[in-house]
Protein backbone atom coordinates (compact mmCIF):
# COMPACT_ATOMS: atom_id res chain seq x y z
CA MET A 1 0.00 0.12 -0.04
CA ILE A 2 1.27 3.52 -0.88
CA GLU A 3 0.64 5.99 1.80
CA LYS A 4 0.24 9.67 0.66
CA SER A 5 1.64 12.43 2.67
CA THR A 6 2.25 16.15 2.26
CA GLU A 7 5.64 17.79 3.36
CA HIS A 8 6.39 21.53 3.35
CA PRO A 9 9.89 22.42 1.95
CA THR A 10 12.40 23.50 4.59
CA VAL A 11 15.44 24.34 2.15
CA PHE A 12 14.69 28.08 2.03
CA ASP A 13 13.29 30.47 4.83
CA THR A 14 10.01 32.32 4.34
CA ASP A 15 11.86 35.54 3.32
CA GLN A 16 13.94 33.75 0.58
CA GLN A 17 10.91 31.74 -0.75
CA GLN A 18 8.88 34.94 -0.93
CA LEU A 19 11.56 36.98 -2.75
CA GLY A 20 12.35 33.95 -4.86
CA VAL A 21 8.87 34.03 -6.24
CA ILE A 22 8.93 37.81 -6.92
CA TYR A 23 12.33 37.76 -8.76
CA ALA A 24 11.33 34.59 -10.63
CA LYS A 25 8.21 36.21 -12.00
CA ALA A 26 10.15 39.07 -13.18
CA LEU A 27 12.55 36.89 -14.93
CA LEU A 28 10.01 34.75 -16.53
CA SER A 29 8.04 37.72 -17.64
CA HIS A 30 11.03 39.01 -19.49
CA GLY A 31 11.61 35.42 -20.84
CA LYS A 32 8.22 35.13 -22.34
CA GLN A 33 8.41 38.56 -23.85
CA THR A 34 11.56 37.87 -25.53
CA GLY A 35 11.10 34.07 -26.22
CA LEU A 36 13.89 33.11 -23.94
CA LEU A 37 12.08 31.64 -21.10
CA ASP A 38 13.40 28.20 -21.31
CA GLN A 39 16.96 29.37 -21.89
CA LEU A 40 16.91 31.88 -19.04
CA VAL A 41 15.64 29.24 -16.58
CA GLU A 42 18.16 26.56 -17.63
CA GLN A 43 21.05 29.19 -17.56
CA LEU A 44 20.10 30.38 -14.18
CA ASP A 45 20.09 26.96 -12.80
CA ALA A 46 23.71 26.52 -14.29
CA VAL A 47 24.71 29.87 -12.70
CA VAL A 48 23.45 28.71 -9.25
CA ASN A 49 25.50 25.57 -9.57
CA VAL A 50 28.75 27.49 -10.65
CA ILE A 51 28.31 29.85 -7.69
CA ARG A 52 27.85 27.03 -5.17
CA GLU A 53 30.66 24.99 -6.65
CA VAL A 54 33.48 27.57 -7.04
CA PRO A 55 35.45 28.01 -3.85
CA GLY A 56 34.78 31.36 -2.34
CA PHE A 57 32.47 32.55 -4.99
CA GLN A 58 29.27 32.32 -3.19
CA ALA A 59 30.83 33.81 -0.03
CA ALA A 60 32.21 36.67 -2.07
CA LEU A 61 28.89 37.63 -3.69
CA GLU A 62 27.00 37.33 -0.37
CA SER A 63 29.56 39.37 1.71
CA PRO A 64 28.45 42.74 3.13
CA ARG A 65 32.14 43.82 3.13
CA ILE A 66 32.55 43.67 -0.72
CA PRO A 67 31.39 46.73 -2.62
CA LEU A 68 28.61 46.39 -5.05
CA GLU A 69 30.82 47.52 -7.89
CA ALA A 70 33.28 44.73 -7.19
CA LYS A 71 30.47 42.12 -7.10
CA ALA A 72 29.11 43.33 -10.42
CA LYS A 73 32.78 42.98 -11.92
CA LEU A 74 32.85 39.51 -10.61
CA ILE A 75 29.48 38.66 -12.36
CA ASP A 76 30.75 40.18 -15.60
CA GLN A 77 33.98 38.19 -15.53
CA ALA A 78 32.31 34.90 -14.75
CA PHE A 79 29.05 35.01 -16.87
CA THR A 80 29.37 37.66 -19.80
CA GLY A 81 29.52 35.61 -22.97
CA LYS A 82 28.41 32.44 -21.30
CA VAL A 83 24.91 33.42 -20.46
CA ASP A 84 22.29 35.62 -22.05
CA ARG A 85 23.14 39.38 -21.40
CA SER A 86 19.77 39.94 -19.71
CA LEU A 87 20.51 37.15 -17.20
CA VAL A 88 23.86 38.95 -16.50
CA ASN A 89 21.88 42.20 -15.78
CA PHE A 90 19.45 40.30 -13.76
CA LEU A 91 22.15 38.81 -11.61
CA LYS A 92 23.52 42.42 -11.07
CA VAL A 93 20.01 43.63 -9.96
CA VAL A 94 19.83 40.73 -7.39
CA GLY A 95 23.40 41.61 -6.17
CA SER A 96 22.44 45.38 -5.94
CA LYS A 97 19.56 44.38 -3.62
CA ARG A 98 22.15 42.31 -1.60
CA ARG A 99 19.92 39.22 -2.12
CA PHE A 100 22.44 36.64 -3.59
CA ASP A 101 21.36 34.33 -0.63
CA CYS A 102 18.00 33.94 -2.41
CA LEU A 103 19.46 33.02 -5.78
CA PRO A 104 18.77 29.25 -5.31
CA ALA A 105 15.15 30.03 -4.17
CA ILE A 106 14.79 32.26 -7.29
CA SER A 107 15.89 29.44 -9.48
CA SER A 108 13.79 26.76 -7.77
CA SER A 109 10.69 29.18 -8.22
CA ALA A 110 11.54 29.81 -11.81
CA LYS A 111 11.67 26.16 -12.59
CA LYS A 112 8.56 25.31 -10.91
CA MET A 113 6.65 28.45 -12.74
CA GLN A 114 8.17 27.13 -15.98
CA ASP A 115 6.80 23.71 -15.50
CA GLU A 116 3.30 25.22 -14.65
CA ILE A 117 3.46 27.21 -17.93
CA ALA A 118 4.40 24.17 -19.88
CA GLY A 119 1.76 21.89 -17.95
CA ARG A 120 4.63 19.87 -16.72
CA VAL A 121 5.47 18.59 -13.27
CA GLN A 122 8.61 17.22 -11.77
CA ALA A 123 8.66 13.92 -9.91
CA VAL A 124 11.48 11.91 -7.98
CA LEU A 125 11.33 8.36 -7.65
CA THR A 126 13.47 6.63 -4.95
CA SER A 127 13.90 2.98 -4.81
CA ALA A 128 16.28 0.55 -2.74
CA THR A 129 17.72 -0.70 -6.09
CA GLU A 130 17.90 0.50 -9.61
CA ILE A 131 14.53 0.19 -11.36
CA ASP A 132 14.02 -1.03 -14.92
CA GLU A 133 13.31 2.00 -17.64
CA SER A 134 10.36 0.42 -18.63
CA VAL A 135 8.93 0.34 -15.09
CA LYS A 136 9.91 4.07 -14.71
CA ALA A 137 8.10 4.91 -17.96
CA GLY A 138 4.96 3.05 -16.59
CA ILE A 139 5.15 5.07 -13.22
CA ALA A 140 5.58 8.24 -15.16
CA SER A 141 2.56 7.45 -17.50
CA ARG A 142 0.28 6.47 -14.50
CA LEU A 143 1.27 9.84 -12.57
CA SER A 144 0.71 11.79 -15.85
CA THR A 145 -2.84 10.14 -16.10
CA VAL A 146 -3.63 10.96 -12.40
CA LEU A 147 -2.29 14.47 -12.22
CA GLY A 148 -3.36 15.53 -15.73
CA LYS A 149 0.04 16.75 -16.37
CA THR A 150 3.16 15.73 -18.31
CA VAL A 151 5.40 14.10 -15.57
CA SER A 152 9.13 14.30 -15.83
CA LEU A 153 10.35 11.49 -13.66
CA GLN A 154 13.87 11.44 -12.09
CA SER A 155 15.25 8.39 -10.13
CA THR A 156 17.47 7.97 -7.11
CA VAL A 157 18.60 4.73 -5.33
CA ASP A 158 18.46 4.75 -1.46
CA PRO A 159 19.12 1.25 0.13
CA LYS A 160 17.76 2.61 3.42
CA ILE A 161 14.04 2.24 2.32
CA ILE A 162 14.87 -1.39 2.05
CA GLY A 163 12.45 -2.29 -0.75
CA GLY A 164 9.42 -0.80 -2.64
CA MET A 165 9.57 2.87 -3.61
CA VAL A 166 8.89 6.54 -2.69
CA VAL A 167 7.58 8.96 -5.28
CA ARG A 168 7.66 12.63 -4.48
CA VAL A 169 5.76 15.05 -6.62
CA GLY A 170 6.08 18.71 -5.48
CA ASP A 171 5.43 18.78 -1.73
CA THR A 172 3.51 15.31 -1.91
CA VAL A 173 4.97 12.05 -1.08
CA TYR A 174 3.63 8.68 -2.12
CA ASP A 175 5.41 6.34 0.27
CA GLY A 176 5.38 2.59 -0.68
CA SER A 177 8.65 1.79 0.84
CA VAL A 178 9.12 -1.35 3.14
CA VAL A 179 10.48 0.96 5.93
CA ASN A 180 7.11 2.97 5.79
CA GLN A 181 5.01 -0.36 5.75
CA LEU A 182 6.83 -1.52 8.78
CA ALA A 183 6.28 1.76 10.61
CA GLN A 184 2.50 1.42 9.75
CA ILE A 185 2.39 -2.04 11.19
CA ARG A 186 4.24 -0.89 14.31
CA THR A 187 1.68 2.07 14.69
CA ARG A 188 -1.25 -0.21 14.22
CA ALA A 189 0.21 -2.78 16.73
CA VAL A 190 0.87 0.20 19.38
CA LYS A 191 -2.63 1.42 18.77
CA ARG A 192 -4.26 -2.02 19.24
CA ALA A 193 -2.36 -2.47 22.50
CA SER A 194 -3.29 0.86 23.65
CA ASP A 195 -6.93 0.33 22.89
CA ALA A 196 -6.75 -2.93 24.79
CA ILE A 197 -5.39 -1.52 27.94
CA ARG A 198 -7.85 1.48 27.75
CA GLU A 199 -10.77 -1.12 27.47
CA LYS A 200 -9.61 -2.98 30.55
CA LEU A 201 -9.05 0.22 32.60
CA GLU A 202 -12.75 1.31 31.49
CA ARG A 203 -14.01 -1.98 32.61
CA PHE A 204 -12.31 -1.87 35.95
CA ALA A 205 -13.52 1.66 36.59
CA THR A 206 -17.15 0.55 35.98
CA ASN A 207 -17.03 -2.52 38.24
């Protein structure tokens, strides 16, 4: 049995999430006007990865001690000619507001909005062992039918779930793992024991 639960993202704080949505809307609005929407979203994701992976780059862009002019120069040196000029200018605007800490949230929001515009949704399948491609295709097809959207399915392997699978679609998790099934069995067993004890106490109290 697959149990459905809803989780709320905790990667970004409330402020970052809100600003991420605001900045992402502005970027996508420009992207739609210029026909560069998909390109800008893809390039922003690449920029976030570069900033995260290059030692000291993220710290320099977020540091309040480094002048804005110096940060703008860093952005030019790193990205001019590699991404669209409008994205370079966008990064400078984010930097001028001293909100480079929100860049990952902006990228995340932009990808979600891009998917909504395209009628697409991202899903992540986690299994204990690698799953055959035909099975993945079947799961993606089933999800697409249920959700009424095109599902792009990514897969990961996590031996900790023992068996079965966990599918995450946005903030919703469909948990069919053995670990979850064992947890449900334990919960039901504890509840039965608790109910039995309560019933005995109630009988004792009425005698």
